Every structure is written in structure tokens, then in C-alpha cells.
C-alpha atoms as a PDB file:
ATOM      1  CA  MET A   1      83.741 -33.669  42.667  1.00  0.00           C
ATOM      2  CA  PRO A   2      80.581 -33.754  40.627  1.00  0.00           C
ATOM      3  CA  ALA A   3      79.348 -37.071  38.849  1.00  0.00           C
ATOM      4  CA  LEU A   4      77.340 -38.050  35.643  1.00  0.00           C
ATOM      5  CA  TRP A   5      74.817 -40.933  35.794  1.00  0.00           C
ATOM      6  CA  ILE A   6      75.011 -42.048  32.349  1.00  0.00           C
ATOM      7  CA  ALA A   7      72.119 -44.426  30.746  1.00  0.00           C
ATOM      8  CA  HIS A   8      71.985 -46.271  27.438  1.00  0.00           C
ATOM      9  CA  VAL A   9      68.514 -47.484  26.995  1.00  0.00           C
ATOM     10  CA  THR A  10      66.679 -49.564  24.294  1.00  0.00           C
ATOM     11  CA  VAL A  11      62.932 -49.580  25.710  1.00  0.00           C
ATOM     12  CA  THR A  12      60.915 -52.665  24.816  1.00  0.00           C
ATOM     13  CA  ASP A  13      57.724 -51.795  26.642  1.00  0.00           C
ATOM     14  CA  GLU A  14      56.787 -48.095  26.422  1.00  0.00           C
ATOM     15  CA  GLU A  15      53.971 -48.197  28.931  1.00  0.00           C
ATOM     16  CA  ALA A  16      56.373 -50.036  31.844  1.00  0.00           C
ATOM     17  CA  TYR A  17      58.987 -47.796  30.813  1.00  0.00           C
ATOM     18  CA  LYS A  18      56.786 -44.478  31.337  1.00  0.00           C
ATOM     19  CA  LYS A  19      56.211 -45.616  35.047  1.00  0.00           C
ATOM     20  CA  TYR A  20      60.081 -46.144  35.397  1.00  0.00           C
ATOM     21  CA  ALA A  21      61.021 -42.678  34.048  1.00  0.00           C
ATOM     22  CA  ALA A  22      58.424 -41.166  36.510  1.00  0.00           C
ATOM     23  CA  GLY A  23      59.697 -42.782  39.606  1.00  0.00           C
ATOM     24  CA  ALA A  24      63.176 -42.356  38.317  1.00  0.00           C
ATOM     25  CA  THR A  25      62.803 -38.694  37.940  1.00  0.00           C
ATOM     26  CA  VAL A  26      61.711 -38.386  41.601  1.00  0.00           C
ATOM     27  CA  ALA A  27      64.541 -40.385  42.762  1.00  0.00           C
ATOM     28  CA  ILE A  28      67.372 -38.516  41.140  1.00  0.00           C
ATOM     29  CA  ALA A  29      65.682 -35.139  42.417  1.00  0.00           C
ATOM     30  CA  GLU A  30      65.562 -36.455  45.721  1.00  0.00           C
ATOM     31  CA  HIS A  31      69.362 -36.673  45.592  1.00  0.00           C
ATOM     32  CA  GLY A  32      70.049 -33.406  44.095  1.00  0.00           C
ATOM     33  CA  GLY A  33      70.437 -34.844  40.853  1.00  0.00           C
ATOM     34  CA  GLU A  34      69.328 -32.904  37.382  1.00  0.00           C
ATOM     35  CA  PHE A  35      69.029 -33.846  33.904  1.00  0.00           C
ATOM     36  CA  ILE A  36      71.512 -32.493  31.392  1.00  0.00           C
ATOM     37  CA  ALA A  37      70.414 -34.742  28.585  1.00  0.00           C
ATOM     38  CA  ARG A  38      67.391 -36.735  28.140  1.00  0.00           C
ATOM     39  CA  GLY A  39      66.464 -38.578  24.980  1.00  0.00           C
ATOM     40  CA  GLY A  40      68.035 -36.125  22.791  1.00  0.00           C
ATOM     41  CA  ARG A  41      69.646 -36.272  19.229  1.00  0.00           C
ATOM     42  CA  PHE A  42      72.885 -38.395  19.132  1.00  0.00           C
ATOM     43  CA  VAL A  43      75.580 -39.639  16.970  1.00  0.00           C
ATOM     44  CA  GLN A  44      76.497 -43.103  17.557  1.00  0.00           C
ATOM     45  CA  LEU A  45      80.298 -43.279  16.737  1.00  0.00           C
ATOM     46  CA  GLU A  46      81.171 -46.575  18.334  1.00  0.00           C
ATOM     47  CA  GLY A  47      79.529 -49.735  20.137  1.00  0.00           C
ATOM     48  CA  LYS A  48      75.970 -50.856  20.400  1.00  0.00           C
ATOM     49  CA  GLU A  49      73.408 -47.815  19.441  1.00  0.00           C
ATOM     50  CA  ARG A  50      70.660 -47.624  22.087  1.00  0.00           C
ATOM     51  CA  ALA A  51      67.796 -45.322  21.093  1.00  0.00           C
ATOM     52  CA  ARG A  52      67.646 -43.600  24.311  1.00  0.00           C
ATOM     53  CA  ASN A  53      70.482 -41.763  26.005  1.00  0.00           C
ATOM     54  CA  VAL A  54      70.481 -40.174  29.432  1.00  0.00           C
ATOM     55  CA  VAL A  55      72.995 -38.055  31.395  1.00  0.00           C
ATOM     56  CA  ALA A  56      71.925 -36.651  34.850  1.00  0.00           C
ATOM     57  CA  LYS A  57      74.536 -34.637  36.953  1.00  0.00           C
ATOM     58  CA  PHE A  58      74.768 -35.455  40.756  1.00  0.00           C
ATOM     59  CA  PRO A  59      76.824 -33.443  43.505  1.00  0.00           C
ATOM     60  CA  ASP A  60      79.282 -36.755  43.917  1.00  0.00           C
ATOM     61  CA  VAL A  61      79.639 -40.184  43.034  1.00  0.00           C
ATOM     62  CA  ASP A  62      78.752 -41.338  46.498  1.00  0.00           C
ATOM     63  CA  THR A  63      75.293 -39.251  46.175  1.00  0.00           C
ATOM     64  CA  ALA A  64      74.524 -40.815  42.764  1.00  0.00           C
ATOM     65  CA  GLU A  65      75.365 -44.315  44.035  1.00  0.00           C
ATOM     66  CA  ARG A  66      73.013 -43.881  47.059  1.00  0.00           C
ATOM     67  CA  CYS A  67      70.348 -42.340  44.689  1.00  0.00           C
ATOM     68  CA  TYR A  68      70.494 -45.964  42.668  1.00  0.00           C
ATOM     69  CA  HIS A  69      70.220 -47.982  45.731  1.00  0.00           C
ATOM     70  CA  SER A  70      67.424 -45.878  47.275  1.00  0.00           C
ATOM     71  CA  GLU A  71      63.922 -47.244  47.933  1.00  0.00           C
ATOM     72  CA  THR A  72      62.259 -44.770  45.458  1.00  0.00           C
ATOM     73  CA  TYR A  73      64.662 -45.470  42.616  1.00  0.00           C
ATOM     74  CA  GLN A  74      64.467 -49.523  43.182  1.00  0.00           C
ATOM     75  CA  ALA A  75      60.915 -49.160  43.262  1.00  0.00           C
ATOM     76  CA  ALA A  76      60.934 -47.531  39.837  1.00  0.00           C
ATOM     77  CA  LEU A  77      63.557 -50.024  38.827  1.00  0.00           C
ATOM     78  CA  ALA A  78      60.907 -52.769  38.867  1.00  0.00           C
ATOM     79  CA  PHE A  79      59.089 -51.270  35.995  1.00  0.00           C
ATOM     80  CA  ALA A  80      62.383 -51.103  33.814  1.00  0.00           C
ATOM     81  CA  LYS A  81      63.319 -54.813  34.203  1.00  0.00           C
ATOM     82  CA  GLY A  82      61.904 -56.550  31.436  1.00  0.00           C
ATOM     83  CA  ALA A  83      60.973 -53.282  29.639  1.00  0.00           C
ATOM     84  CA  SER A  84      64.154 -52.158  28.410  1.00  0.00           C
ATOM     85  CA  GLU A  85      67.923 -53.371  27.846  1.00  0.00           C
ATOM     86  CA  ARG A  86      70.348 -50.831  29.503  1.00  0.00           C
ATOM     87  CA  GLU A  87      73.669 -50.096  30.343  1.00  0.00           C
ATOM     88  CA  LEU A  88      74.127 -47.678  33.160  1.00  0.00           C
ATOM     89  CA  MET A  89      77.141 -46.007  34.787  1.00  0.00           C
ATOM     90  CA  ILE A  90      78.336 -43.376  37.196  1.00  0.00           C
ATOM     91  CA  VAL A  91      81.497 -41.298  36.104  1.00  0.00           C
ATOM     92  CA  GLU A  92      82.974 -38.695  38.112  1.00  0.00           C
ATOM     93  CA  THR A  93      83.765 -35.393  36.187  1.00  0.00           C
ATOM     94  CA  THR A  94      86.760 -33.177  36.507  1.00  0.00           C
ATOM     95  CA  GLU A  95      84.580 -30.027  36.809  1.00  0.00           C
END
């Protein structure tokens, strides 16, 4: 079953976060992921609002998790740490 990688982000250092985004884009593509939402308009109905929301679709949960733990993604993630406050989850879809 396909899976969604859902991130809610507040960026605190734009320059460092740009480096993260570039590397994360490569890692996601390497694992068959594709962005279906990336920083667009949103309406916060409940919970903590984050200015940036990203959704990527992967072939399955295992592939999405392998992407997260991959060398490419972890190298990119080093730029996000200290440059953002984030929540990230993987959710299996019913499609």
C-alpha cells in the first residue's frame, strides 16, 4: 500500500534549511517518492500551526522509512537540525 510522508515545519534558518531541502529532494526521488504538497496554502483547524507543510508519496511504508534512514537523507537532515522545528510521520494510505 502507498504511504505518505507528512512533515509540519517551522523554519528558523532559511539558508541552512535550503540545503536540507535540496538534499531531501534527492533522497526522496532516489526512493521513488514524489511530492504531492510542498509549502502551499493550508488552513489550520486544530493543533500547532507550522508555516510549512510537506507531503510526499512513496510506494509503501518500508520504502519511506528506508528513505528517512538513508545516508543521503541523513546528510540532508543535518542541515535541518537547528534550522527548524518539525514533526514528521509516515502514514499508510488506503489507495
